[in-house]
Every structure is written in C-alpha cells, then in structure tokens.
Amino acid sequence: MTVTKHFTASAIVRRDGRVLLLWHNKLGMWLYPGGHVEENETPDESVLREVKEETGLTVAFDAAADNRFATETVAGLHTPAIVFDEQIGAGDGMHRHIDLVYLCHPVGEAAVTLAEDEVGQFGWFGKAELADLDMPENLRKYLDSIM
C-alpha cells in the first residue's frame, strides 16, 4: 500500500518565554499554527502565510536563512528547527505529514485574530502550563526541550 505524504510547514511562535498554541477544532487538541505547503510556494513562504491565516499575526524567523552557499541562481532557505513525520488519520484516510517546524516570533504588537472555522481558541503558555494541555506527546516533549 502506498501512503500519501504531504509537506507541511509550521511555527513554534515564542514571545516572552511563552509559546502560542491553538485549539484545533477538527483534531480536538492544542497544536502550533501551520499547514500544507502549496504549489509554487517555498516552506518559508508557507509558514509565514499559515501563521497569518490562522492567527492574524505577522511573524519572523528566529534565525536567519543560511545563504553561505547562495549563488546568482540559488538562495538559502530557513532551516527548520525540527522535522516531524506524522501519521494523520487511520484506515483508508491515513496519510502522513512531513512537517517542517520553524521557531518564530511575532513582529510588532498585533493581537491574535483566529480563523474560527479551524481554530477555536488560543493561548500563550509557559513551560509549567504545558503538562495540563491536550496535545500530542511528541509536541509536549519538544516544547519542554526548547523552553
């Protein structure tokens, strides 16, 4: 059986020692903003677009793109902080997301405005608050390692 794989790009958005998490209505859990890399879009463009669509925030990458080897025809993109290979769904609908996860921070003081059809609520959470949240265990472990 061939398993369909999709590339996704997501952001761990951090501010003042806290991380932005969203309650995803469809999945019924706390996750970071992100989504599918669309045709003719780089992962860099995708993650910035997805965060803006889901939260209304403009974000910037925590680290600069690595352009040490750039040429006239080649540019360096941002390096993900981590890449997850995630099983989505089960049975005939099961597929995988190859999720490129970037560390980002908000630009300016804009308020969060949610895409309410996808996201029911949001919160800025400190490390101590993560233990009580319904989220995938890999995400909890990863956040614990970077906060």
N, C-alpha and C. Protein backbone atom coordinates (compact mmCIF):
# COMPACT_ATOMS: atom_id res chain seq x y z
N MET A 1 0.84 -1.18 0.00
CA MET A 1 0.00 0.00 0.00
C MET A 1 0.89 1.25 0.00
N THR A 2 0.61 2.15 -0.89
CA THR A 2 1.33 3.41 -0.94
C THR A 2 0.64 4.42 -0.02
N VAL A 3 1.44 5.05 0.81
CA VAL A 3 0.91 6.05 1.74
C VAL A 3 1.18 7.43 1.16
N THR A 4 0.14 8.24 1.07
CA THR A 4 0.28 9.61 0.58
C THR A 4 1.00 10.45 1.63
N LYS A 5 1.94 11.26 1.15
CA LYS A 5 2.69 12.15 2.04
C LYS A 5 2.52 13.58 1.57
N HIS A 6 2.29 14.48 2.50
CA HIS A 6 2.16 15.91 2.21
C HIS A 6 3.24 16.66 2.98
N PHE A 7 3.82 17.67 2.35
CA PHE A 7 4.73 18.55 3.08
C PHE A 7 3.92 19.65 3.73
N THR A 8 4.22 19.88 5.01
CA THR A 8 3.58 20.96 5.75
C THR A 8 4.67 21.82 6.38
N ALA A 9 4.31 23.05 6.71
CA ALA A 9 5.24 23.97 7.37
C ALA A 9 4.51 24.60 8.54
N SER A 10 5.15 24.58 9.70
CA SER A 10 4.52 25.04 10.93
C SER A 10 5.47 25.90 11.74
N ALA A 11 4.91 26.64 12.71
CA ALA A 11 5.72 27.55 13.51
C ALA A 11 5.47 27.36 14.99
N ILE A 12 6.56 27.29 15.72
CA ILE A 12 6.51 27.44 17.16
C ILE A 12 6.75 28.93 17.38
N VAL A 13 5.69 29.65 17.71
CA VAL A 13 5.78 31.11 17.90
C VAL A 13 6.00 31.37 19.38
N ARG A 14 7.13 32.02 19.69
CA ARG A 14 7.50 32.27 21.08
C ARG A 14 7.59 33.77 21.35
N ARG A 15 7.15 34.14 22.56
CA ARG A 15 7.24 35.53 23.00
C ARG A 15 7.34 35.54 24.51
N ASP A 16 8.34 36.22 25.03
CA ASP A 16 8.50 36.40 26.48
C ASP A 16 8.45 35.08 27.25
N GLY A 17 9.12 34.05 26.73
CA GLY A 17 9.19 32.77 27.43
C GLY A 17 7.93 31.94 27.34
N ARG A 18 7.01 32.34 26.46
CA ARG A 18 5.76 31.62 26.30
C ARG A 18 5.62 31.20 24.85
N VAL A 19 4.79 30.19 24.61
CA VAL A 19 4.57 29.68 23.26
C VAL A 19 3.09 29.82 22.91
N LEU A 20 2.83 30.18 21.65
CA LEU A 20 1.46 30.32 21.16
C LEU A 20 0.95 28.96 20.70
N LEU A 21 -0.15 28.50 21.29
CA LEU A 21 -0.79 27.27 20.85
C LEU A 21 -2.23 27.56 20.50
N LEU A 22 -2.75 26.77 19.57
CA LEU A 22 -4.11 26.94 19.06
C LEU A 22 -4.91 25.67 19.31
N TRP A 23 -6.17 25.84 19.68
CA TRP A 23 -7.07 24.69 19.81
C TRP A 23 -7.63 24.40 18.42
N HIS A 24 -7.21 23.29 17.84
CA HIS A 24 -7.67 22.92 16.50
C HIS A 24 -8.99 22.18 16.62
N ASN A 25 -10.03 22.80 16.04
CA ASN A 25 -11.39 22.27 16.16
C ASN A 25 -11.50 20.85 15.61
N LYS A 26 -10.99 20.60 14.42
CA LYS A 26 -11.13 19.30 13.76
C LYS A 26 -10.41 18.19 14.53
N LEU A 27 -9.23 18.49 15.03
CA LEU A 27 -8.42 17.47 15.70
C LEU A 27 -8.69 17.40 17.21
N GLY A 28 -9.30 18.44 17.78
CA GLY A 28 -9.63 18.44 19.21
C GLY A 28 -8.42 18.40 20.12
N MET A 29 -7.42 19.22 19.78
CA MET A 29 -6.22 19.28 20.62
C MET A 29 -5.49 20.59 20.38
N TRP A 30 -4.54 20.89 21.26
CA TRP A 30 -3.69 22.06 21.15
C TRP A 30 -2.52 21.74 20.22
N LEU A 31 -2.29 22.62 19.26
CA LEU A 31 -1.20 22.48 18.30
C LEU A 31 -0.62 23.85 17.99
N TYR A 32 0.45 23.87 17.26
CA TYR A 32 1.05 25.10 16.77
C TYR A 32 0.44 25.45 15.41
N PRO A 33 0.50 26.71 14.99
CA PRO A 33 -0.05 27.06 13.67
C PRO A 33 0.79 26.47 12.54
N GLY A 34 0.12 26.11 11.47
CA GLY A 34 0.82 25.57 10.31
C GLY A 34 -0.15 24.92 9.35
N GLY A 35 0.38 24.46 8.23
CA GLY A 35 -0.46 23.81 7.24
C GLY A 35 0.34 23.39 6.02
N HIS A 36 -0.38 22.98 5.01
CA HIS A 36 0.22 22.43 3.80
C HIS A 36 1.03 23.46 3.02
N VAL A 37 2.16 23.01 2.50
CA VAL A 37 2.94 23.82 1.57
C VAL A 37 2.21 23.73 0.23
N GLU A 38 1.80 24.88 -0.28
CA GLU A 38 1.04 24.90 -1.53
C GLU A 38 1.95 24.90 -2.74
N GLU A 39 1.36 24.56 -3.87
CA GLU A 39 2.10 24.55 -5.13
C GLU A 39 2.71 25.93 -5.39
N ASN A 40 3.93 25.95 -5.86
CA ASN A 40 4.66 27.18 -6.16
C ASN A 40 4.96 28.03 -4.93
N GLU A 41 5.07 27.39 -3.78
CA GLU A 41 5.35 28.09 -2.53
C GLU A 41 6.53 27.39 -1.85
N THR A 42 7.44 28.19 -1.32
CA THR A 42 8.52 27.58 -0.53
C THR A 42 8.00 27.30 0.87
N PRO A 43 8.67 26.43 1.62
CA PRO A 43 8.26 26.24 3.02
C PRO A 43 8.33 27.54 3.81
N ASP A 44 9.32 28.40 3.53
CA ASP A 44 9.41 29.70 4.21
C ASP A 44 8.15 30.52 3.99
N GLU A 45 7.73 30.60 2.75
CA GLU A 45 6.52 31.37 2.42
C GLU A 45 5.29 30.74 3.07
N SER A 46 5.25 29.42 3.05
CA SER A 46 4.10 28.70 3.59
C SER A 46 3.91 28.95 5.07
N VAL A 47 4.99 28.85 5.85
CA VAL A 47 4.84 29.00 7.30
C VAL A 47 4.40 30.42 7.65
N LEU A 48 4.93 31.41 6.98
CA LEU A 48 4.52 32.80 7.25
C LEU A 48 3.05 33.00 6.89
N ARG A 49 2.62 32.44 5.76
CA ARG A 49 1.22 32.55 5.33
C ARG A 49 0.29 31.84 6.30
N GLU A 50 0.65 30.61 6.68
CA GLU A 50 -0.21 29.83 7.57
C GLU A 50 -0.40 30.50 8.92
N VAL A 51 0.67 31.02 9.49
CA VAL A 51 0.55 31.71 10.78
C VAL A 51 -0.38 32.92 10.63
N LYS A 52 -0.20 33.68 9.56
CA LYS A 52 -1.04 34.87 9.34
C LYS A 52 -2.51 34.46 9.18
N GLU A 53 -2.77 33.41 8.39
CA GLU A 53 -4.15 32.98 8.16
C GLU A 53 -4.81 32.48 9.44
N GLU A 54 -4.08 31.73 10.24
CA GLU A 54 -4.69 31.11 11.43
C GLU A 54 -4.75 32.04 12.63
N THR A 55 -3.82 33.01 12.71
CA THR A 55 -3.74 33.83 13.93
C THR A 55 -3.82 35.34 13.69
N GLY A 56 -3.66 35.76 12.45
CA GLY A 56 -3.60 37.19 12.15
C GLY A 56 -2.25 37.81 12.45
N LEU A 57 -1.31 37.04 12.99
CA LEU A 57 0.00 37.58 13.36
C LEU A 57 0.98 37.54 12.19
N THR A 58 1.79 38.57 12.12
CA THR A 58 2.97 38.56 11.27
C THR A 58 4.11 38.08 12.13
N VAL A 59 4.84 37.07 11.65
CA VAL A 59 5.96 36.54 12.41
C VAL A 59 7.22 36.60 11.57
N ALA A 60 8.34 36.49 12.26
CA ALA A 60 9.66 36.41 11.62
C ALA A 60 10.36 35.18 12.18
N PHE A 61 11.27 34.66 11.39
CA PHE A 61 12.06 33.51 11.82
C PHE A 61 13.05 33.94 12.90
N ASP A 62 13.28 33.07 13.88
CA ASP A 62 14.24 33.37 14.93
C ASP A 62 15.67 33.41 14.40
N ALA A 63 15.97 32.61 13.41
CA ALA A 63 17.32 32.55 12.84
C ALA A 63 17.28 32.97 11.37
N ALA A 64 18.35 33.55 10.91
CA ALA A 64 18.45 33.97 9.51
C ALA A 64 18.60 32.76 8.60
N ALA A 65 18.19 32.93 7.37
CA ALA A 65 18.40 31.88 6.37
C ALA A 65 19.90 31.71 6.15
N ASP A 66 20.30 30.50 5.86
CA ASP A 66 21.71 30.20 5.63
C ASP A 66 22.03 30.43 4.15
N ASN A 67 22.62 31.55 3.87
CA ASN A 67 22.96 31.89 2.49
C ASN A 67 24.45 31.79 2.21
N ARG A 68 25.16 31.02 3.02
CA ARG A 68 26.61 30.88 2.82
C ARG A 68 26.96 30.30 1.45
N PHE A 69 26.06 29.53 0.89
CA PHE A 69 26.35 28.85 -0.37
C PHE A 69 25.46 29.37 -1.50
N ALA A 70 24.84 30.51 -1.29
CA ALA A 70 23.96 31.09 -2.30
C ALA A 70 24.78 31.54 -3.51
N THR A 71 24.13 31.51 -4.65
CA THR A 71 24.74 31.98 -5.89
C THR A 71 23.72 32.87 -6.58
N GLU A 72 24.00 33.26 -7.80
CA GLU A 72 23.05 34.07 -8.55
C GLU A 72 21.73 33.33 -8.79
N THR A 73 21.79 32.01 -8.82
CA THR A 73 20.59 31.22 -9.14
C THR A 73 20.11 30.35 -7.98
N VAL A 74 20.79 30.40 -6.85
CA VAL A 74 20.43 29.56 -5.70
C VAL A 74 20.39 30.42 -4.44
N ALA A 75 19.28 30.33 -3.71
CA ALA A 75 19.16 31.04 -2.43
C ALA A 75 19.04 30.01 -1.32
N GLY A 76 19.48 30.39 -0.14
CA GLY A 76 19.29 29.54 1.03
C GLY A 76 17.94 29.83 1.66
N LEU A 77 17.27 28.80 2.11
CA LEU A 77 16.02 28.96 2.84
C LEU A 77 16.31 28.77 4.33
N HIS A 78 15.32 29.10 5.15
CA HIS A 78 15.47 28.90 6.59
C HIS A 78 15.51 27.41 6.90
N THR A 79 16.29 27.05 7.88
CA THR A 79 16.41 25.66 8.30
C THR A 79 15.38 25.39 9.39
N PRO A 80 14.56 24.35 9.22
CA PRO A 80 13.61 24.02 10.27
C PRO A 80 14.33 23.67 11.57
N ALA A 81 13.68 23.96 12.69
CA ALA A 81 14.23 23.58 13.98
C ALA A 81 14.13 22.07 14.17
N ILE A 82 13.07 21.49 13.62
CA ILE A 82 12.85 20.05 13.69
C ILE A 82 11.91 19.67 12.55
N VAL A 83 11.99 18.42 12.14
CA VAL A 83 11.08 17.89 11.11
C VAL A 83 10.40 16.67 11.70
N PHE A 84 9.07 16.68 11.69
CA PHE A 84 8.29 15.54 12.18
C PHE A 84 7.67 14.81 10.99
N ASP A 85 7.63 13.50 11.05
CA ASP A 85 6.91 12.66 10.10
C ASP A 85 5.70 12.13 10.87
N GLU A 86 4.53 12.71 10.60
CA GLU A 86 3.35 12.49 11.44
C GLU A 86 2.29 11.67 10.71
N GLN A 87 1.76 10.66 11.37
CA GLN A 87 0.62 9.93 10.83
C GLN A 87 -0.64 10.73 11.10
N ILE A 88 -1.43 10.94 10.05
CA ILE A 88 -2.68 11.68 10.17
C ILE A 88 -3.81 10.73 9.82
N GLY A 89 -4.75 10.58 10.72
CA GLY A 89 -5.89 9.71 10.47
C GLY A 89 -5.55 8.24 10.55
N ALA A 90 -6.52 7.41 10.13
CA ALA A 90 -6.35 5.95 10.19
C ALA A 90 -7.13 5.33 9.03
N GLY A 91 -6.92 4.06 8.84
CA GLY A 91 -7.65 3.34 7.80
C GLY A 91 -7.35 3.88 6.41
N ASP A 92 -8.37 3.88 5.56
CA ASP A 92 -8.21 4.33 4.17
C ASP A 92 -7.84 5.80 4.06
N GLY A 93 -8.20 6.59 5.07
CA GLY A 93 -7.90 8.03 5.04
C GLY A 93 -6.54 8.38 5.62
N MET A 94 -5.79 7.39 6.08
CA MET A 94 -4.49 7.66 6.70
C MET A 94 -3.52 8.21 5.67
N HIS A 95 -2.80 9.25 6.06
CA HIS A 95 -1.72 9.81 5.25
C HIS A 95 -0.67 10.36 6.20
N ARG A 96 0.40 10.88 5.68
CA ARG A 96 1.48 11.38 6.52
C ARG A 96 1.76 12.83 6.18
N HIS A 97 2.11 13.60 7.20
CA HIS A 97 2.59 14.97 7.03
C HIS A 97 4.08 14.99 7.35
N ILE A 98 4.86 15.46 6.42
CA ILE A 98 6.27 15.73 6.66
C ILE A 98 6.29 17.19 7.08
N ASP A 99 6.34 17.43 8.39
CA ASP A 99 6.11 18.76 8.95
C ASP A 99 7.44 19.45 9.27
N LEU A 100 7.73 20.51 8.52
CA LEU A 100 8.92 21.34 8.73
C LEU A 100 8.53 22.38 9.77
N VAL A 101 9.11 22.31 10.94
CA VAL A 101 8.71 23.16 12.07
C VAL A 101 9.80 24.20 12.33
N TYR A 102 9.41 25.48 12.30
CA TYR A 102 10.33 26.60 12.45
C TYR A 102 10.08 27.32 13.77
N LEU A 103 11.13 27.90 14.33
CA LEU A 103 10.99 28.76 15.50
C LEU A 103 10.82 30.19 15.02
N CYS A 104 9.78 30.85 15.51
CA CYS A 104 9.44 32.20 15.06
C CYS A 104 9.04 33.07 16.23
N HIS A 105 8.94 34.35 15.97
CA HIS A 105 8.48 35.31 16.98
C HIS A 105 7.58 36.34 16.29
N PRO A 106 6.62 36.90 17.03
CA PRO A 106 5.74 37.91 16.44
C PRO A 106 6.51 39.19 16.11
N VAL A 107 6.06 39.86 15.08
CA VAL A 107 6.60 41.16 14.69
C VAL A 107 5.59 42.20 15.13
N GLY A 108 5.99 43.15 15.95
CA GLY A 108 5.07 44.18 16.42
C GLY A 108 4.16 43.66 17.52
N GLU A 109 3.15 44.43 17.80
CA GLU A 109 2.24 44.14 18.92
C GLU A 109 0.83 43.77 18.48
N ALA A 110 0.68 43.18 17.30
CA ALA A 110 -0.65 42.85 16.79
C ALA A 110 -1.34 41.83 17.70
N ALA A 111 -2.65 41.94 17.80
CA ALA A 111 -3.44 40.99 18.58
C ALA A 111 -3.73 39.75 17.74
N VAL A 112 -3.91 38.64 18.41
CA VAL A 112 -4.28 37.41 17.72
C VAL A 112 -5.73 37.49 17.28
N THR A 113 -5.98 37.19 16.03
CA THR A 113 -7.33 37.08 15.48
C THR A 113 -7.42 35.71 14.81
N LEU A 114 -8.28 34.86 15.32
CA LEU A 114 -8.32 33.47 14.90
C LEU A 114 -9.15 33.24 13.64
N ALA A 115 -8.72 32.25 12.86
CA ALA A 115 -9.53 31.70 11.78
C ALA A 115 -10.49 30.71 12.45
N GLU A 116 -11.65 31.20 12.88
CA GLU A 116 -12.51 30.45 13.79
C GLU A 116 -13.08 29.17 13.19
N ASP A 117 -13.09 29.03 11.87
CA ASP A 117 -13.55 27.77 11.29
C ASP A 117 -12.54 26.64 11.56
N GLU A 118 -11.29 26.98 11.76
CA GLU A 118 -10.25 25.99 12.03
C GLU A 118 -9.82 25.96 13.50
N VAL A 119 -9.80 27.14 14.12
CA VAL A 119 -9.19 27.30 15.44
C VAL A 119 -10.22 27.88 16.42
N GLY A 120 -10.46 27.16 17.52
CA GLY A 120 -11.47 27.59 18.47
C GLY A 120 -10.98 28.58 19.51
N GLN A 121 -9.72 28.47 19.89
CA GLN A 121 -9.16 29.37 20.90
C GLN A 121 -7.65 29.34 20.81
N PHE A 122 -7.02 30.23 21.53
CA PHE A 122 -5.56 30.28 21.56
C PHE A 122 -5.11 30.61 22.97
N GLY A 123 -3.82 30.41 23.19
CA GLY A 123 -3.24 30.81 24.46
C GLY A 123 -1.73 30.92 24.31
N TRP A 124 -1.16 31.79 25.14
CA TRP A 124 0.29 31.90 25.28
C TRP A 124 0.63 31.13 26.55
N PHE A 125 1.36 30.03 26.43
CA PHE A 125 1.59 29.12 27.54
C PHE A 125 3.05 29.08 27.93
N GLY A 126 3.29 29.08 29.25
CA GLY A 126 4.62 28.88 29.78
C GLY A 126 4.89 27.39 29.96
N LYS A 127 6.12 27.06 30.22
CA LYS A 127 6.53 25.66 30.33
C LYS A 127 5.70 24.90 31.36
N ALA A 128 5.44 25.50 32.50
CA ALA A 128 4.70 24.82 33.57
C ALA A 128 3.26 24.50 33.17
N GLU A 129 2.70 25.25 32.25
CA GLU A 129 1.30 25.05 31.85
C GLU A 129 1.12 23.95 30.81
N LEU A 130 2.19 23.52 30.18
CA LEU A 130 2.08 22.55 29.09
C LEU A 130 1.58 21.19 29.55
N ALA A 131 1.91 20.79 30.77
CA ALA A 131 1.56 19.46 31.27
C ALA A 131 0.06 19.21 31.28
N ASP A 132 -0.73 20.27 31.45
CA ASP A 132 -2.18 20.11 31.57
C ASP A 132 -2.92 20.22 30.24
N LEU A 133 -2.20 20.45 29.15
CA LEU A 133 -2.85 20.65 27.86
C LEU A 133 -2.96 19.35 27.07
N ASP A 134 -4.08 19.22 26.36
CA ASP A 134 -4.29 18.06 25.49
C ASP A 134 -3.55 18.33 24.18
N MET A 135 -2.41 17.64 24.00
CA MET A 135 -1.59 17.81 22.81
C MET A 135 -0.84 16.51 22.54
N PRO A 136 -0.33 16.34 21.33
CA PRO A 136 0.48 15.14 21.07
C PRO A 136 1.71 15.10 21.97
N GLU A 137 2.08 13.90 22.39
CA GLU A 137 3.19 13.75 23.32
C GLU A 137 4.51 14.24 22.72
N ASN A 138 4.71 14.02 21.41
CA ASN A 138 5.96 14.50 20.80
C ASN A 138 6.06 16.02 20.87
N LEU A 139 4.94 16.71 20.72
CA LEU A 139 4.95 18.17 20.80
C LEU A 139 5.27 18.61 22.23
N ARG A 140 4.67 17.97 23.20
CA ARG A 140 4.93 18.31 24.61
C ARG A 140 6.42 18.14 24.92
N LYS A 141 7.01 17.02 24.48
CA LYS A 141 8.43 16.77 24.73
C LYS A 141 9.30 17.81 24.02
N TYR A 142 8.94 18.13 22.78
CA TYR A 142 9.74 19.09 22.04
C TYR A 142 9.66 20.48 22.70
N LEU A 143 8.47 20.92 23.04
CA LEU A 143 8.33 22.22 23.68
C LEU A 143 9.09 22.27 25.00
N ASP A 144 9.01 21.19 25.75
CA ASP A 144 9.74 21.12 27.01
C ASP A 144 11.25 21.28 26.79
N SER A 145 11.74 20.80 25.65
CA SER A 145 13.19 20.87 25.38
C SER A 145 13.65 22.25 24.93
N ILE A 146 12.74 23.09 24.45
CA ILE A 146 13.15 24.40 23.91
C ILE A 146 12.72 25.57 24.77
N MET A 147 11.98 25.32 25.82
CA MET A 147 11.51 26.42 26.66
C MET A 147 12.33 26.54 27.92
